[in-house]
Amino acid sequence: VKVKDRAAFAFALASAAAAVVVKRGVIRGARLALGAVAGVPWRAHLAEERLLGRRPSTTLFEEAAEAELAAARPLAGNDYKIPMAKGALVEALERATGTPDG
């Protein structure tokens, strides 16, 4: 999922990718990454841990994104990226799991 200023732009202001394994309605594995929010792609380990063993839901995804980015410290003038990254991560998780909002 890419969040861009304009559709014509190739670069993202924030991005997220999600690969999720759901078995019998429970998340058994997750690999999450954020882009355009740090100098290199950011593996979202805290969010991954928050998801394991739980049922997919938008509320859970929001909690996981919040936990992952709670310690984020933006540089001057780019604090807008934190809510963008949270939204991108939630949307990527919804798409990956086929939740109703995804």
PDB file of N, CA and C in Angstrom:
ATOM      1  N   VAL A   1       0.864  -1.161   0.000  1.00  0.00           N
ATOM      2  CA  VAL A   1       0.000   0.000   0.000  1.00  0.00           C
ATOM      3  C   VAL A   1       0.910   1.223   0.000  1.00  0.00           C
ATOM      4  N   LYS A   2       0.699   2.099  -0.969  1.00  0.00           N
ATOM      5  CA  LYS A   2       1.461   3.342  -1.043  1.00  0.00           C
ATOM      6  C   LYS A   2       0.551   4.530  -0.766  1.00  0.00           C
ATOM      7  N   VAL A   3       1.003   5.438   0.078  1.00  0.00           N
ATOM      8  CA  VAL A   3       0.315   6.705   0.293  1.00  0.00           C
ATOM      9  C   VAL A   3       1.141   7.747  -0.450  1.00  0.00           C
ATOM     10  N   LYS A   4       0.521   8.352  -1.459  1.00  0.00           N
ATOM     11  CA  LYS A   4       1.232   9.317  -2.292  1.00  0.00           C
ATOM     12  C   LYS A   4       0.505  10.653  -2.270  1.00  0.00           C
ATOM     13  N   ASP A   5       1.258  11.711  -2.514  1.00  0.00           N
ATOM     14  CA  ASP A   5       0.678  13.046  -2.569  1.00  0.00           C
ATOM     15  C   ASP A   5      -0.222  13.182  -3.793  1.00  0.00           C
ATOM     16  N   ARG A   6       0.197  12.608  -4.892  1.00  0.00           N
ATOM     17  CA  ARG A   6      -0.580  12.638  -6.132  1.00  0.00           C
ATOM     18  C   ARG A   6      -0.423  11.307  -6.829  1.00  0.00           C
ATOM     19  N   ALA A   7      -1.448  10.902  -7.541  1.00  0.00           N
ATOM     20  CA  ALA A   7      -1.402   9.624  -8.245  1.00  0.00           C
ATOM     21  C   ALA A   7      -0.269   9.580  -9.264  1.00  0.00           C
ATOM     22  N   ALA A   8       0.110  10.727  -9.793  1.00  0.00           N
ATOM     23  CA  ALA A   8       1.165  10.768 -10.812  1.00  0.00           C
ATOM     24  C   ALA A   8       2.555  10.548 -10.225  1.00  0.00           C
ATOM     25  N   PHE A   9       2.712  10.728  -8.909  1.00  0.00           N
ATOM     26  CA  PHE A   9       4.023  10.557  -8.295  1.00  0.00           C
ATOM     27  C   PHE A   9       4.354   9.074  -8.161  1.00  0.00           C
ATOM     28  N   ALA A  10       5.602   8.726  -8.429  1.00  0.00           N
ATOM     29  CA  ALA A  10       6.035   7.338  -8.300  1.00  0.00           C
ATOM     30  C   ALA A  10       6.463   7.015  -6.871  1.00  0.00           C
ATOM     31  N   PHE A  11       6.852   8.014  -6.111  1.00  0.00           N
ATOM     32  CA  PHE A  11       7.365   7.766  -4.766  1.00  0.00           C
ATOM     33  C   PHE A  11       6.251   7.892  -3.721  1.00  0.00           C
ATOM     34  N   ALA A  12       6.413   7.153  -2.661  1.00  0.00           N
ATOM     35  CA  ALA A  12       5.415   7.151  -1.589  1.00  0.00           C
ATOM     36  C   ALA A  12       5.860   8.071  -0.457  1.00  0.00           C
ATOM     37  N   LEU A  13       4.884   8.687   0.194  1.00  0.00           N
ATOM     38  CA  LEU A  13       5.151   9.423   1.431  1.00  0.00           C
ATOM     39  C   LEU A  13       5.222   8.451   2.599  1.00  0.00           C
ATOM     40  N   ALA A  14       4.506   7.344   2.483  1.00  0.00           N
ATOM     41  CA  ALA A  14       4.549   6.234   3.436  1.00  0.00           C
ATOM     42  C   ALA A  14       4.045   5.009   2.682  1.00  0.00           C
ATOM     43  N   SER A  15       4.534   3.832   3.056  1.00  0.00           N
ATOM     44  CA  SER A  15       4.059   2.603   2.425  1.00  0.00           C
ATOM     45  C   SER A  15       4.128   1.463   3.428  1.00  0.00           C
ATOM     46  N   ALA A  16       3.358   0.419   3.131  1.00  0.00           N
ATOM     47  CA  ALA A  16       3.347  -0.755   4.003  1.00  0.00           C
ATOM     48  C   ALA A  16       3.113  -1.999   3.160  1.00  0.00           C
ATOM     49  N   ALA A  17       3.702  -3.097   3.597  1.00  0.00           N
ATOM     50  CA  ALA A  17       3.497  -4.394   2.962  1.00  0.00           C
ATOM     51  C   ALA A  17       3.195  -5.412   4.050  1.00  0.00           C
ATOM     52  N   ALA A  18       2.308  -6.348   3.735  1.00  0.00           N
ATOM     53  CA  ALA A  18       1.919  -7.359   4.724  1.00  0.00           C
ATOM     54  C   ALA A  18       1.759  -8.716   4.058  1.00  0.00           C
ATOM     55  N   ALA A  19       2.320  -9.725   4.686  1.00  0.00           N
ATOM     56  CA  ALA A  19       2.084 -11.122   4.330  1.00  0.00           C
ATOM     57  C   ALA A  19       1.627 -11.794   5.614  1.00  0.00           C
ATOM     58  N   VAL A  20       0.434 -12.378   5.583  1.00  0.00           N
ATOM     59  CA  VAL A  20      -0.170 -12.914   6.805  1.00  0.00           C
ATOM     60  C   VAL A  20      -0.675 -14.328   6.554  1.00  0.00           C
ATOM     61  N   VAL A  21      -0.426 -15.220   7.506  1.00  0.00           N
ATOM     62  CA  VAL A  21      -0.948 -16.576   7.465  1.00  0.00           C
ATOM     63  C   VAL A  21      -2.076 -16.668   8.484  1.00  0.00           C
ATOM     64  N   VAL A  22      -3.279 -16.994   7.991  1.00  0.00           N
ATOM     65  CA  VAL A  22      -4.441 -17.159   8.856  1.00  0.00           C
ATOM     66  C   VAL A  22      -4.900 -18.610   8.734  1.00  0.00           C
ATOM     67  N   LYS A  23      -4.964 -19.309   9.844  1.00  0.00           N
ATOM     68  CA  LYS A  23      -5.445 -20.692   9.871  1.00  0.00           C
ATOM     69  C   LYS A  23      -6.560 -20.798  10.891  1.00  0.00           C
ATOM     70  N   ARG A  24      -7.688 -21.351  10.421  1.00  0.00           N
ATOM     71  CA  ARG A  24      -8.859 -21.510  11.285  1.00  0.00           C
ATOM     72  C   ARG A  24      -9.251 -20.204  11.979  1.00  0.00           C
ATOM     73  N   GLY A  25      -9.150 -19.112  11.236  1.00  0.00           N
ATOM     74  CA  GLY A  25      -9.592 -17.824  11.737  1.00  0.00           C
ATOM     75  C   GLY A  25      -8.638 -17.117  12.680  1.00  0.00           C
ATOM     76  N   VAL A  26      -7.413 -17.646  12.838  1.00  0.00           N
ATOM     77  CA  VAL A  26      -6.443 -17.062  13.755  1.00  0.00           C
ATOM     78  C   VAL A  26      -5.145 -16.770  13.004  1.00  0.00           C
ATOM     79  N   ILE A  27      -4.536 -15.647  13.298  1.00  0.00           N
ATOM     80  CA  ILE A  27      -3.273 -15.281  12.658  1.00  0.00           C
ATOM     81  C   ILE A  27      -2.159 -16.146  13.235  1.00  0.00           C
ATOM     82  N   ARG A  28      -1.509 -16.917  12.365  1.00  0.00           N
ATOM     83  CA  ARG A  28      -0.432 -17.829  12.775  1.00  0.00           C
ATOM     84  C   ARG A  28       0.946 -17.299  12.381  1.00  0.00           C
ATOM     85  N   GLY A  29       0.983 -16.348  11.456  1.00  0.00           N
ATOM     86  CA  GLY A  29       2.257 -15.779  11.036  1.00  0.00           C
ATOM     87  C   GLY A  29       2.022 -14.440  10.360  1.00  0.00           C
ATOM     88  N   ALA A  30       2.990 -13.542  10.487  1.00  0.00           N
ATOM     89  CA  ALA A  30       2.874 -12.230   9.854  1.00  0.00           C
ATOM     90  C   ALA A  30       4.263 -11.671   9.599  1.00  0.00           C
ATOM     91  N   ARG A  31       4.424 -11.087   8.432  1.00  0.00           N
ATOM     92  CA  ARG A  31       5.642 -10.369   8.076  1.00  0.00           C
ATOM     93  C   ARG A  31       5.193  -9.005   7.569  1.00  0.00           C
ATOM     94  N   LEU A  32       5.626  -7.962   8.258  1.00  0.00           N
ATOM     95  CA  LEU A  32       5.175  -6.606   7.952  1.00  0.00           C
ATOM     96  C   LEU A  32       6.376  -5.695   7.748  1.00  0.00           C
ATOM     97  N   ALA A  33       6.238  -4.767   6.818  1.00  0.00           N
ATOM     98  CA  ALA A  33       7.301  -3.790   6.579  1.00  0.00           C
ATOM     99  C   ALA A  33       6.694  -2.440   6.252  1.00  0.00           C
ATOM    100  N   LEU A  34       7.393  -1.398   6.664  1.00  0.00           N
ATOM    101  CA  LEU A  34       7.010  -0.022   6.358  1.00  0.00           C
ATOM    102  C   LEU A  34       8.096   0.588   5.481  1.00  0.00           C
ATOM    103  N   GLY A  35       7.688   1.445   4.567  1.00  0.00           N
ATOM    104  CA  GLY A  35       8.640   2.130   3.706  1.00  0.00           C
ATOM    105  C   GLY A  35       8.408   3.625   3.744  1.00  0.00           C
ATOM    106  N   ALA A  36       9.439   4.370   3.358  1.00  0.00           N
ATOM    107  CA  ALA A  36       9.398   5.826   3.250  1.00  0.00           C
ATOM    108  C   ALA A  36       9.224   6.519   4.599  1.00  0.00           C
ATOM    109  N   VAL A  37       9.477   5.817   5.683  1.00  0.00           N
ATOM    110  CA  VAL A  37       9.362   6.432   7.009  1.00  0.00           C
ATOM    111  C   VAL A  37      10.687   6.419   7.774  1.00  0.00           C
ATOM    112  N   ALA A  38      11.708   5.835   7.176  1.00  0.00           N
ATOM    113  CA  ALA A  38      13.033   5.783   7.781  1.00  0.00           C
ATOM    114  C   ALA A  38      14.056   5.721   6.639  1.00  0.00           C
ATOM    115  N   GLY A  39      15.311   5.723   6.980  1.00  0.00           N
ATOM    116  CA  GLY A  39      16.365   5.683   5.971  1.00  0.00           C
ATOM    117  C   GLY A  39      16.392   4.392   5.166  1.00  0.00           C
ATOM    118  N   VAL A  40      15.870   3.332   5.739  1.00  0.00           N
ATOM    119  CA  VAL A  40      15.788   2.024   5.077  1.00  0.00           C
ATOM    120  C   VAL A  40      14.409   1.434   5.385  1.00  0.00           C
ATOM    121  N   PRO A  41      13.972   0.431   4.641  1.00  0.00           N
ATOM    122  CA  PRO A  41      12.691  -0.201   4.978  1.00  0.00           C
ATOM    123  C   PRO A  41      12.699  -0.675   6.435  1.00  0.00           C
ATOM    124  N   TRP A  42      11.561  -0.582   7.075  1.00  0.00           N
ATOM    125  CA  TRP A  42      11.427  -0.827   8.504  1.00  0.00           C
ATOM    126  C   TRP A  42      10.581  -2.072   8.717  1.00  0.00           C
ATOM    127  N   ARG A  43      11.180  -3.131   9.232  1.00  0.00           N
ATOM    128  CA  ARG A  43      10.439  -4.342   9.570  1.00  0.00           C
ATOM    129  C   ARG A  43       9.644  -4.078  10.842  1.00  0.00           C
ATOM    130  N   ALA A  44       8.356  -4.332  10.818  1.00  0.00           N
ATOM    131  CA  ALA A  44       7.458  -4.001  11.916  1.00  0.00           C
ATOM    132  C   ALA A  44       7.319  -5.178  12.884  1.00  0.00           C
ATOM    133  N   HIS A  45       8.370  -5.481  13.610  1.00  0.00           N
ATOM    134  CA  HIS A  45       8.397  -6.631  14.522  1.00  0.00           C
ATOM    135  C   HIS A  45       7.368  -6.525  15.653  1.00  0.00           C
ATOM    136  N   LEU A  46       7.222  -5.354  16.241  1.00  0.00           N
ATOM    137  CA  LEU A  46       6.256  -5.208  17.346  1.00  0.00           C
ATOM    138  C   LEU A  46       4.835  -5.469  16.874  1.00  0.00           C
ATOM    139  N   ALA A  47       4.497  -4.947  15.709  1.00  0.00           N
ATOM    140  CA  ALA A  47       3.159  -5.176  15.159  1.00  0.00           C
ATOM    141  C   ALA A  47       2.958  -6.652  14.848  1.00  0.00           C
ATOM    142  N   GLU A  48       3.978  -7.311  14.298  1.00  0.00           N
ATOM    143  CA  GLU A  48       3.879  -8.744  13.999  1.00  0.00           C
ATOM    144  C   GLU A  48       3.549  -9.532  15.262  1.00  0.00           C
ATOM    145  N   GLU A  49       4.270  -9.242  16.330  1.00  0.00           N
ATOM    146  CA  GLU A  49       4.054  -9.955  17.591  1.00  0.00           C
ATOM    147  C   GLU A  49       2.638  -9.726  18.129  1.00  0.00           C
ATOM    148  N   ARG A  50       2.148  -8.510  17.985  1.00  0.00           N
ATOM    149  CA  ARG A  50       0.814  -8.151  18.490  1.00  0.00           C
ATOM    150  C   ARG A  50      -0.281  -8.945  17.787  1.00  0.00           C
ATOM    151  N   LEU A  51      -0.048  -9.343  16.547  1.00  0.00           N
ATOM    152  CA  LEU A  51      -1.068 -10.033  15.750  1.00  0.00           C
ATOM    153  C   LEU A  51      -1.179 -11.527  16.047  1.00  0.00           C
ATOM    154  N   LEU A  52      -0.068 -12.154  16.403  1.00  0.00           N
ATOM    155  CA  LEU A  52      -0.028 -13.609  16.503  1.00  0.00           C
ATOM    156  C   LEU A  52      -1.029 -14.169  17.504  1.00  0.00           C
ATOM    157  N   GLY A  53      -1.735 -15.208  17.067  1.00  0.00           N
ATOM    158  CA  GLY A  53      -2.675 -15.907  17.929  1.00  0.00           C
ATOM    159  C   GLY A  53      -4.021 -15.216  18.083  1.00  0.00           C
ATOM    160  N   ARG A  54      -4.241 -14.154  17.323  1.00  0.00           N
ATOM    161  CA  ARG A  54      -5.495 -13.396  17.460  1.00  0.00           C
ATOM    162  C   ARG A  54      -6.274 -13.429  16.148  1.00  0.00           C
ATOM    163  N   ARG A  55      -7.548 -13.134  16.229  1.00  0.00           N
ATOM    164  CA  ARG A  55      -8.421 -13.112  15.049  1.00  0.00           C
ATOM    165  C   ARG A  55      -8.264 -11.781  14.307  1.00  0.00           C
ATOM    166  N   PRO A  56      -8.174 -11.829  12.987  1.00  0.00           N
ATOM    167  CA  PRO A  56      -8.024 -10.597  12.215  1.00  0.00           C
ATOM    168  C   PRO A  56      -9.214  -9.663  12.408  1.00  0.00           C
ATOM    169  N   SER A  57      -8.925  -8.389  12.624  1.00  0.00           N
ATOM    170  CA  SER A  57      -9.959  -7.361  12.702  1.00  0.00           C
ATOM    171  C   SER A  57      -9.292  -6.008  12.511  1.00  0.00           C
ATOM    172  N   THR A  58     -10.067  -5.063  12.047  1.00  0.00           N
ATOM    173  CA  THR A  58      -9.527  -3.716  11.873  1.00  0.00           C
ATOM    174  C   THR A  58      -9.063  -3.147  13.208  1.00  0.00           C
ATOM    175  N   THR A  59      -9.793  -3.414  14.279  1.00  0.00           N
ATOM    176  CA  THR A  59      -9.396  -2.933  15.604  1.00  0.00           C
ATOM    177  C   THR A  59      -8.035  -3.498  16.001  1.00  0.00           C
ATOM    178  N   LEU A  60      -7.818  -4.788  15.781  1.00  0.00           N
ATOM    179  CA  LEU A  60      -6.529  -5.402  16.078  1.00  0.00           C
ATOM    180  C   LEU A  60      -5.429  -4.770  15.241  1.00  0.00           C
ATOM    181  N   PHE A  61      -5.695  -4.547  13.963  1.00  0.00           N
ATOM    182  CA  PHE A  61      -4.690  -3.961  13.080  1.00  0.00           C
ATOM    183  C   PHE A  61      -4.324  -2.548  13.525  1.00  0.00           C
ATOM    184  N   GLU A  62      -5.311  -1.782  13.960  1.00  0.00           N
ATOM    185  CA  GLU A  62      -5.048  -0.436  14.468  1.00  0.00           C
ATOM    186  C   GLU A  62      -4.194  -0.491  15.726  1.00  0.00           C
ATOM    187  N   GLU A  63      -4.484  -1.448  16.621  1.00  0.00           N
ATOM    188  CA  GLU A  63      -3.689  -1.617  17.846  1.00  0.00           C
ATOM    189  C   GLU A  63      -2.247  -1.977  17.497  1.00  0.00           C
ATOM    190  N   ALA A  64      -2.072  -2.873  16.542  1.00  0.00           N
ATOM    191  CA  ALA A  64      -0.730  -3.302  16.143  1.00  0.00           C
ATOM    192  C   ALA A  64       0.054  -2.145  15.526  1.00  0.00           C
ATOM    193  N   ALA A  65      -0.592  -1.369  14.668  1.00  0.00           N
ATOM    194  CA  ALA A  65       0.069  -0.220  14.044  1.00  0.00           C
ATOM    195  C   ALA A  65       0.450   0.818  15.104  1.00  0.00           C
ATOM    196  N   GLU A  66      -0.446   1.055  16.038  1.00  0.00           N
ATOM    197  CA  GLU A  66      -0.174   2.008  17.115  1.00  0.00           C
ATOM    198  C   GLU A  66       1.014   1.550  17.954  1.00  0.00           C
ATOM    199  N   ALA A  67       1.058   0.263  18.291  1.00  0.00           N
ATOM    200  CA  ALA A  67       2.164  -0.278  19.089  1.00  0.00           C
ATOM    201  C   ALA A  67       3.480  -0.129  18.333  1.00  0.00           C
ATOM    202  N   GLU A  68       3.456  -0.421  17.049  1.00  0.00           N
ATOM    203  CA  GLU A  68       4.680  -0.337  16.244  1.00  0.00           C
ATOM    204  C   GLU A  68       5.233   1.080  16.186  1.00  0.00           C
ATOM    205  N   LEU A  69       4.356   2.046  16.054  1.00  0.00           N
ATOM    206  CA  LEU A  69       4.803   3.419  15.827  1.00  0.00           C
ATOM    207  C   LEU A  69       4.782   4.287  17.081  1.00  0.00           C
ATOM    208  N   ALA A  70       4.507   3.704  18.228  1.00  0.00           N
ATOM    209  CA  ALA A  70       4.434   4.475  19.475  1.00  0.00           C
ATOM    210  C   ALA A  70       5.747   5.189  19.786  1.00  0.00           C
ATOM    211  N   ALA A  71       6.855   4.587  19.461  1.00  0.00           N
ATOM    212  CA  ALA A  71       8.157   5.182  19.770  1.00  0.00           C
ATOM    213  C   ALA A  71       8.729   5.987  18.608  1.00  0.00           C
ATOM    214  N   ALA A  72       7.990   6.133  17.529  1.00  0.00           N
ATOM    215  CA  ALA A  72       8.492   6.873  16.363  1.00  0.00           C
ATOM    216  C   ALA A  72       8.740   8.326  16.720  1.00  0.00           C
ATOM    217  N   ARG A  73       9.859   8.834  16.279  1.00  0.00           N
ATOM    218  CA  ARG A  73      10.221  10.229  16.514  1.00  0.00           C
ATOM    219  C   ARG A  73      10.493  10.884  15.159  1.00  0.00           C
ATOM    220  N   PRO A  74       9.556  11.689  14.683  1.00  0.00           N
ATOM    221  CA  PRO A  74       9.725  12.294  13.357  1.00  0.00           C
ATOM    222  C   PRO A  74      10.803  13.375  13.348  1.00  0.00           C
ATOM    223  N   LEU A  75      11.339  13.609  12.177  1.00  0.00           N
ATOM    224  CA  LEU A  75      12.240  14.736  11.973  1.00  0.00           C
ATOM    225  C   LEU A  75      11.390  15.990  11.810  1.00  0.00           C
ATOM    226  N   ALA A  76      12.015  17.121  11.866  1.00  0.00           N
ATOM    227  CA  ALA A  76      11.292  18.387  11.729  1.00  0.00           C
ATOM    228  C   ALA A  76      10.530  18.425  10.409  1.00  0.00           C
ATOM    229  N   GLY A  77       9.242  18.696  10.490  1.00  0.00           N
ATOM    230  CA  GLY A  77       8.438  18.874   9.294  1.00  0.00           C
ATOM    231  C   GLY A  77       7.862  17.612   8.675  1.00  0.00           C
ATOM    232  N   ASN A  78       8.123  16.445   9.241  1.00  0.00           N
ATOM    233  CA  ASN A  78       7.538  15.245   8.645  1.00  0.00           C
ATOM    234  C   ASN A  78       6.747  14.393   9.634  1.00  0.00           C
ATOM    235  N   ASP A  79       6.222  15.027  10.656  1.00  0.00           N
ATOM    236  CA  ASP A  79       5.420  14.291  11.632  1.00  0.00           C
ATOM    237  C   ASP A  79       4.117  13.764  11.038  1.00  0.00           C
ATOM    238  N   TYR A  80       3.696  14.283   9.902  1.00  0.00           N
ATOM    239  CA  TYR A  80       2.504  13.792   9.208  1.00  0.00           C
ATOM    240  C   TYR A  80       2.666  12.348   8.740  1.00  0.00           C
ATOM    241  N   LYS A  81       3.910  11.872   8.656  1.00  0.00           N
ATOM    242  CA  LYS A  81       4.151  10.514   8.157  1.00  0.00           C
ATOM    243  C   LYS A  81       3.693   9.431   9.138  1.00  0.00           C
ATOM    244  N   ILE A  82       3.651   9.740  10.417  1.00  0.00           N
ATOM    245  CA  ILE A  82       3.268   8.720  11.392  1.00  0.00           C
ATOM    246  C   ILE A  82       1.827   8.263  11.193  1.00  0.00           C
ATOM    247  N   PRO A  83       0.834   9.154  11.136  1.00  0.00           N
ATOM    248  CA  PRO A  83      -0.525   8.662  10.874  1.00  0.00           C
ATOM    249  C   PRO A  83      -0.673   8.036   9.489  1.00  0.00           C
ATOM    250  N   MET A  84       0.098   8.527   8.514  1.00  0.00           N
ATOM    251  CA  MET A  84       0.053   7.906   7.180  1.00  0.00           C
ATOM    252  C   MET A  84       0.560   6.474   7.235  1.00  0.00           C
ATOM    253  N   ALA A  85       1.653   6.262   7.958  1.00  0.00           N
ATOM    254  CA  ALA A  85       2.219   4.915   8.079  1.00  0.00           C
ATOM    255  C   ALA A  85       1.247   3.989   8.805  1.00  0.00           C
ATOM    256  N   LYS A  86       0.600   4.487   9.852  1.00  0.00           N
ATOM    257  CA  LYS A  86      -0.388   3.678  10.574  1.00  0.00           C
ATOM    258  C   LYS A  86      -1.522   3.279   9.647  1.00  0.00           C
ATOM    259  N   GLY A  87      -2.047   4.231   8.908  1.00  0.00           N
ATOM    260  CA  GLY A  87      -3.138   3.938   7.977  1.00  0.00           C
ATOM    261  C   GLY A  87      -2.738   2.964   6.898  1.00  0.00           C
ATOM    262  N   ALA A  88      -1.531   3.129   6.362  1.00  0.00           N
ATOM    263  CA  ALA A  88      -1.051   2.216   5.322  1.00  0.00           C
ATOM    264  C   ALA A  88      -0.905   0.796   5.870  1.00  0.00           C
ATOM    265  N   LEU A  89      -0.399   0.676   7.101  1.00  0.00           N
ATOM    266  CA  LEU A  89      -0.231  -0.650   7.701  1.00  0.00           C
ATOM    267  C   LEU A  89      -1.585  -1.314   7.944  1.00  0.00           C
ATOM    268  N   VAL A  90      -2.538  -0.569   8.446  1.00  0.00           N
ATOM    269  CA  VAL A  90      -3.885  -1.122   8.666  1.00  0.00           C
ATOM    270  C   VAL A  90      -4.484  -1.578   7.338  1.00  0.00           C
ATOM    271  N   GLU A  91      -4.385  -0.753   6.308  1.00  0.00           N
ATOM    272  CA  GLU A  91      -4.946  -1.125   5.010  1.00  0.00           C
ATOM    273  C   GLU A  91      -4.255  -2.350   4.425  1.00  0.00           C
ATOM    274  N   ALA A  92      -2.932  -2.427   4.549  1.00  0.00           N
ATOM    275  CA  ALA A  92      -2.201  -3.594   4.047  1.00  0.00           C
ATOM    276  C   ALA A  92      -2.656  -4.867   4.765  1.00  0.00           C
ATOM    277  N   LEU A  93      -2.862  -4.781   6.075  1.00  0.00           N
ATOM    278  CA  LEU A  93      -3.336  -5.935   6.836  1.00  0.00           C
ATOM    279  C   LEU A  93      -4.752  -6.326   6.450  1.00  0.00           C
ATOM    280  N   GLU A  94      -5.617  -5.345   6.242  1.00  0.00           N
ATOM    281  CA  GLU A  94      -6.975  -5.641   5.812  1.00  0.00           C
ATOM    282  C   GLU A  94      -6.973  -6.353   4.455  1.00  0.00           C
ATOM    283  N   ARG A  95      -6.163  -5.865   3.549  1.00  0.00           N
ATOM    284  CA  ARG A  95      -6.077  -6.492   2.223  1.00  0.00           C
ATOM    285  C   ARG A  95      -5.516  -7.908   2.307  1.00  0.00           C
ATOM    286  N   ALA A  96      -4.470  -8.070   3.116  1.00  0.00           N
ATOM    287  CA  ALA A  96      -3.804  -9.370   3.214  1.00  0.00           C
ATOM    288  C   ALA A  96      -4.691 -10.434   3.849  1.00  0.00           C
ATOM    289  N   THR A  97      -5.577 -10.013   4.757  1.00  0.00           N
ATOM    290  CA  THR A  97      -6.405 -10.970   5.465  1.00  0.00           C
ATOM    291  C   THR A  97      -7.843 -11.030   4.943  1.00  0.00           C
ATOM    292  N   GLY A  98      -8.194 -10.093   4.062  1.00  0.00           N
ATOM    293  CA  GLY A  98      -9.564 -10.073   3.537  1.00  0.00           C
ATOM    294  C   GLY A  98     -10.593  -9.709   4.572  1.00  0.00           C
ATOM    295  N   THR A  99     -10.196  -8.861   5.539  1.00  0.00           N
ATOM    296  CA  THR A  99     -11.179  -8.408   6.531  1.00  0.00           C
ATOM    297  C   THR A  99     -12.233  -7.564   5.842  1.00  0.00           C
ATOM    298  N   PRO A 100     -13.396  -7.397   6.445  1.00  0.00           N
ATOM    299  CA  PRO A 100     -14.499  -6.678   5.789  1.00  0.00           C
ATOM    300  C   PRO A 100     -14.127  -5.311   5.256  1.00  0.00           C
ATOM    301  N   ASP A 101     -13.245  -4.598   5.942  1.00  0.00           N
ATOM    302  CA  ASP A 101     -12.872  -3.260   5.482  1.00  0.00           C
ATOM    303  C   ASP A 101     -11.804  -3.303   4.398  1.00  0.00           C
ATOM    304  N   GLY A 102     -11.202  -4.480   4.168  1.00  0.00           N
ATOM    305  CA  GLY A 102     -10.070  -4.574   3.261  1.00  0.00           C
ATOM    306  C   GLY A 102     -10.397  -4.872   1.845  1.00  0.00           C
TER     307      GLY A 102
END
